[in-house]
């Protein structure tokens, strides 16, 4: 395994961990790690910050389904599903009666989840038909 390939795998695992932590606690891993790393000095803090927000990372547009659910495009299906369920519970119309903004957000969340699942199903089907 090459070093770049190994680094990509580590980053992907950390992104999934970050998404899971966000679903459970509402905090991102880089914020939690940042507090711990700050105790070790600015040099290490910069390295950790650069690692999480590397130069190749692009910001997702606000209308992206992944942005709406708060997950990375490389997130595992279970992470996407967990984020969807947590947000759906939070913004469900039964939980927020007479709140139009919560109802609109709930619709956005549902549409985002459906779009991601359709995209992933299409990719899986395309992969299966080529082999």
C-alpha atoms as a PDB file:
ATOM      1  CA  UNK A   1       0.000   0.000   0.000  1.00  0.00           C
ATOM      2  CA  UNK A   2       1.376   3.370  -0.914  1.00  0.00           C
ATOM      3  CA  UNK A   3       1.660   6.175   1.599  1.00  0.00           C
ATOM      4  CA  UNK A   4      -0.881   8.329  -0.244  1.00  0.00           C
ATOM      5  CA  UNK A   5      -3.363   5.456  -0.372  1.00  0.00           C
ATOM      6  CA  UNK A   6      -2.897   4.791   3.348  1.00  0.00           C
ATOM      7  CA  UNK A   7      -3.334   8.478   4.162  1.00  0.00           C
ATOM      8  CA  UNK A   8      -6.560   8.561   2.127  1.00  0.00           C
ATOM      9  CA  UNK A   9      -7.901   5.567   4.046  1.00  0.00           C
ATOM     10  CA  UNK A  10      -7.056   7.180   7.368  1.00  0.00           C
ATOM     11  CA  UNK A  11      -8.736  10.429   6.289  1.00  0.00           C
ATOM     12  CA  UNK A  12     -11.845   8.531   5.164  1.00  0.00           C
ATOM     13  CA  UNK A  13     -12.017   6.692   8.489  1.00  0.00           C
ATOM     14  CA  UNK A  14     -11.607   9.974  10.383  1.00  0.00           C
ATOM     15  CA  UNK A  15     -14.360  11.603   8.309  1.00  0.00           C
ATOM     16  CA  UNK A  16     -16.729   8.770   9.178  1.00  0.00           C
ATOM     17  CA  UNK A  17     -15.726   9.039  12.828  1.00  0.00           C
ATOM     18  CA  UNK A  18     -16.257  12.798  12.627  1.00  0.00           C
ATOM     19  CA  UNK A  19     -19.735  12.322  11.143  1.00  0.00           C
ATOM     20  CA  UNK A  20     -20.680   9.754  13.802  1.00  0.00           C
ATOM     21  CA  UNK A  21     -19.423  12.022  16.593  1.00  0.00           C
ATOM     22  CA  UNK A  22     -21.423  14.909  15.111  1.00  0.00           C
ATOM     23  CA  UNK A  23     -24.604  12.813  15.000  1.00  0.00           C
ATOM     24  CA  UNK A  24     -24.185  11.709  18.608  1.00  0.00           C
ATOM     25  CA  UNK A  25     -22.913  14.896  20.237  1.00  0.00           C
ATOM     26  CA  UNK A  26     -23.435  17.770  17.814  1.00  0.00           C
ATOM     27  CA  UNK A  27     -19.682  18.471  17.883  1.00  0.00           C
ATOM     28  CA  UNK A  28     -17.148  17.895  15.142  1.00  0.00           C
ATOM     29  CA  UNK A  29     -14.023  15.848  15.831  1.00  0.00           C
ATOM     30  CA  UNK A  30     -11.718  18.674  14.792  1.00  0.00           C
ATOM     31  CA  UNK A  31     -13.193  20.880  17.539  1.00  0.00           C
ATOM     32  CA  UNK A  32     -12.790  18.181  20.184  1.00  0.00           C
ATOM     33  CA  UNK A  33      -9.293  17.247  18.970  1.00  0.00           C
ATOM     34  CA  UNK A  34      -8.406  20.923  18.695  1.00  0.00           C
ATOM     35  CA  UNK A  35      -8.986  21.474  22.403  1.00  0.00           C
ATOM     36  CA  UNK A  36      -6.796  18.520  23.309  1.00  0.00           C
ATOM     37  CA  UNK A  37      -4.089  19.470  20.811  1.00  0.00           C
ATOM     38  CA  UNK A  38      -4.009  23.099  21.985  1.00  0.00           C
ATOM     39  CA  UNK A  39      -2.415  21.844  25.178  1.00  0.00           C
ATOM     40  CA  UNK A  40       0.535  20.582  23.098  1.00  0.00           C
ATOM     41  CA  UNK A  41       1.286  23.812  21.299  1.00  0.00           C
ATOM     42  CA  UNK A  42       0.532  25.801  18.175  1.00  0.00           C
ATOM     43  CA  UNK A  43       2.707  23.680  15.881  1.00  0.00           C
ATOM     44  CA  UNK A  44       0.708  20.512  16.510  1.00  0.00           C
ATOM     45  CA  UNK A  45      -2.550  22.476  16.393  1.00  0.00           C
ATOM     46  CA  UNK A  46      -1.679  23.705  12.897  1.00  0.00           C
ATOM     47  CA  UNK A  47      -0.837  20.175  11.738  1.00  0.00           C
ATOM     48  CA  UNK A  48      -4.136  18.783  13.034  1.00  0.00           C
ATOM     49  CA  UNK A  49      -6.099  21.667  11.506  1.00  0.00           C
ATOM     50  CA  UNK A  50      -4.359  21.167   8.157  1.00  0.00           C
ATOM     51  CA  UNK A  51      -5.074  17.456   8.312  1.00  0.00           C
ATOM     52  CA  UNK A  52      -8.803  17.926   8.830  1.00  0.00           C
ATOM     53  CA  UNK A  53      -9.174  20.778   6.374  1.00  0.00           C
ATOM     54  CA  UNK A  54      -6.541  19.811   3.830  1.00  0.00           C
ATOM     55  CA  UNK A  55      -6.046  21.960   0.753  1.00  0.00           C
ATOM     56  CA  UNK A  56      -7.809  19.446  -1.520  1.00  0.00           C
ATOM     57  CA  UNK A  57     -11.017  19.701   0.484  1.00  0.00           C
ATOM     58  CA  UNK A  58     -13.703  21.811  -1.134  1.00  0.00           C
ATOM     59  CA  UNK A  59     -16.597  23.326   0.729  1.00  0.00           C
ATOM     60  CA  UNK A  60     -19.922  21.782  -0.184  1.00  0.00           C
ATOM     61  CA  UNK A  61     -22.512  24.181  -1.566  1.00  0.00           C
ATOM     62  CA  UNK A  62     -25.381  24.891   0.864  1.00  0.00           C
ATOM     63  CA  UNK A  63     -27.887  23.197  -1.447  1.00  0.00           C
ATOM     64  CA  UNK A  64     -25.859  19.957  -1.578  1.00  0.00           C
ATOM     65  CA  UNK A  65     -27.675  16.968  -0.046  1.00  0.00           C
ATOM     66  CA  UNK A  66     -24.514  16.117   1.902  1.00  0.00           C
ATOM     67  CA  UNK A  67     -24.337  19.652   3.309  1.00  0.00           C
ATOM     68  CA  UNK A  68     -28.001  19.491   4.346  1.00  0.00           C
ATOM     69  CA  UNK A  69     -27.435  16.229   6.237  1.00  0.00           C
ATOM     70  CA  UNK A  70     -24.076  17.405   7.600  1.00  0.00           C
ATOM     71  CA  UNK A  71     -22.043  14.464   6.302  1.00  0.00           C
ATOM     72  CA  UNK A  72     -19.092  14.092   3.965  1.00  0.00           C
ATOM     73  CA  UNK A  73     -19.709  12.653   0.467  1.00  0.00           C
ATOM     74  CA  UNK A  74     -17.435   9.701   1.369  1.00  0.00           C
ATOM     75  CA  UNK A  75     -19.515   8.860   4.453  1.00  0.00           C
ATOM     76  CA  UNK A  76     -20.690   5.295   4.914  1.00  0.00           C
ATOM     77  CA  UNK A  77     -24.348   4.552   4.228  1.00  0.00           C
ATOM     78  CA  UNK A  78     -24.956   3.902   7.913  1.00  0.00           C
ATOM     79  CA  UNK A  79     -23.540   7.325   8.791  1.00  0.00           C
ATOM     80  CA  UNK A  80     -25.795   9.003   6.213  1.00  0.00           C
ATOM     81  CA  UNK A  81     -28.782   7.081   7.568  1.00  0.00           C
ATOM     82  CA  UNK A  82     -27.924   8.023  11.160  1.00  0.00           C
ATOM     83  CA  UNK A  83     -27.609  11.702  10.257  1.00  0.00           C
ATOM     84  CA  UNK A  84     -30.908  11.541   8.394  1.00  0.00           C
ATOM     85  CA  UNK A  85     -32.722   9.914  11.305  1.00  0.00           C
ATOM     86  CA  UNK A  86     -31.309  12.330  13.873  1.00  0.00           C
ATOM     87  CA  UNK A  87     -32.280  15.391  11.808  1.00  0.00           C
ATOM     88  CA  UNK A  88     -35.671  13.941  10.852  1.00  0.00           C
ATOM     89  CA  UNK A  89     -36.441  13.367  14.529  1.00  0.00           C
ATOM     90  CA  UNK A  90     -35.365  16.900  15.411  1.00  0.00           C
ATOM     91  CA  UNK A  91     -37.380  18.651  12.684  1.00  0.00           C
ATOM     92  CA  UNK A  92     -40.383  16.314  12.405  1.00  0.00           C
ATOM     93  CA  UNK A  93     -43.708  18.206  12.154  1.00  0.00           C
ATOM     94  CA  UNK A  94     -45.170  16.161  15.030  1.00  0.00           C
ATOM     95  CA  UNK A  95     -42.352  17.349  17.300  1.00  0.00           C
ATOM     96  CA  UNK A  96     -42.614  20.961  16.039  1.00  0.00           C
ATOM     97  CA  UNK A  97     -46.300  21.676  15.486  1.00  0.00           C
ATOM     98  CA  UNK A  98     -47.126  25.099  14.007  1.00  0.00           C
ATOM     99  CA  UNK A  99     -43.493  25.667  13.037  1.00  0.00           C
ATOM    100  CA  UNK A 100     -43.292  26.289   9.296  1.00  0.00           C
ATOM    101  CA  UNK A 101     -39.499  26.543   9.199  1.00  0.00           C
ATOM    102  CA  UNK A 102     -39.122  23.139  10.894  1.00  0.00           C
ATOM    103  CA  UNK A 103     -41.553  21.602   8.412  1.00  0.00           C
ATOM    104  CA  UNK A 104     -39.631  23.097   5.482  1.00  0.00           C
ATOM    105  CA  UNK A 105     -36.338  21.855   6.949  1.00  0.00           C
ATOM    106  CA  UNK A 106     -37.887  18.399   7.400  1.00  0.00           C
ATOM    107  CA  UNK A 107     -38.792  18.347   3.686  1.00  0.00           C
ATOM    108  CA  UNK A 108     -35.243  19.414   2.752  1.00  0.00           C
ATOM    109  CA  UNK A 109     -33.820  16.619   4.916  1.00  0.00           C
ATOM    110  CA  UNK A 110     -36.086  14.005   3.313  1.00  0.00           C
ATOM    111  CA  UNK A 111     -35.260  15.209  -0.200  1.00  0.00           C
ATOM    112  CA  UNK A 112     -31.525  15.234   0.574  1.00  0.00           C
ATOM    113  CA  UNK A 113     -31.613  11.680   1.932  1.00  0.00           C
ATOM    114  CA  UNK A 114     -33.593  10.431  -1.069  1.00  0.00           C
ATOM    115  CA  UNK A 115     -31.168  12.138  -3.474  1.00  0.00           C
ATOM    116  CA  UNK A 116     -28.135  10.586  -1.783  1.00  0.00           C
ATOM    117  CA  UNK A 117     -29.663   7.114  -1.708  1.00  0.00           C
ATOM    118  CA  UNK A 118     -30.737   7.340  -5.383  1.00  0.00           C
ATOM    119  CA  UNK A 119     -27.247   8.506  -6.361  1.00  0.00           C
ATOM    120  CA  UNK A 120     -25.595   5.659  -4.473  1.00  0.00           C
ATOM    121  CA  UNK A 121     -28.034   3.076  -5.849  1.00  0.00           C
ATOM    122  CA  UNK A 122     -27.345   4.302  -9.384  1.00  0.00           C
ATOM    123  CA  UNK A 123     -23.576   4.055  -8.799  1.00  0.00           C
ATOM    124  CA  UNK A 124     -23.947   0.527  -7.416  1.00  0.00           C
ATOM    125  CA  UNK A 125     -26.119  -0.528 -10.333  1.00  0.00           C
ATOM    126  CA  UNK A 126     -23.704   0.983 -12.845  1.00  0.00           C
ATOM    127  CA  UNK A 127     -20.853  -0.853 -11.158  1.00  0.00           C
ATOM    128  CA  UNK A 128     -22.775  -4.134 -11.307  1.00  0.00           C
ATOM    129  CA  UNK A 129     -23.732  -3.781 -14.960  1.00  0.00           C
ATOM    130  CA  UNK A 130     -20.155  -3.111 -16.085  1.00  0.00           C
ATOM    131  CA  UNK A 131     -18.899  -6.392 -14.590  1.00  0.00           C
END
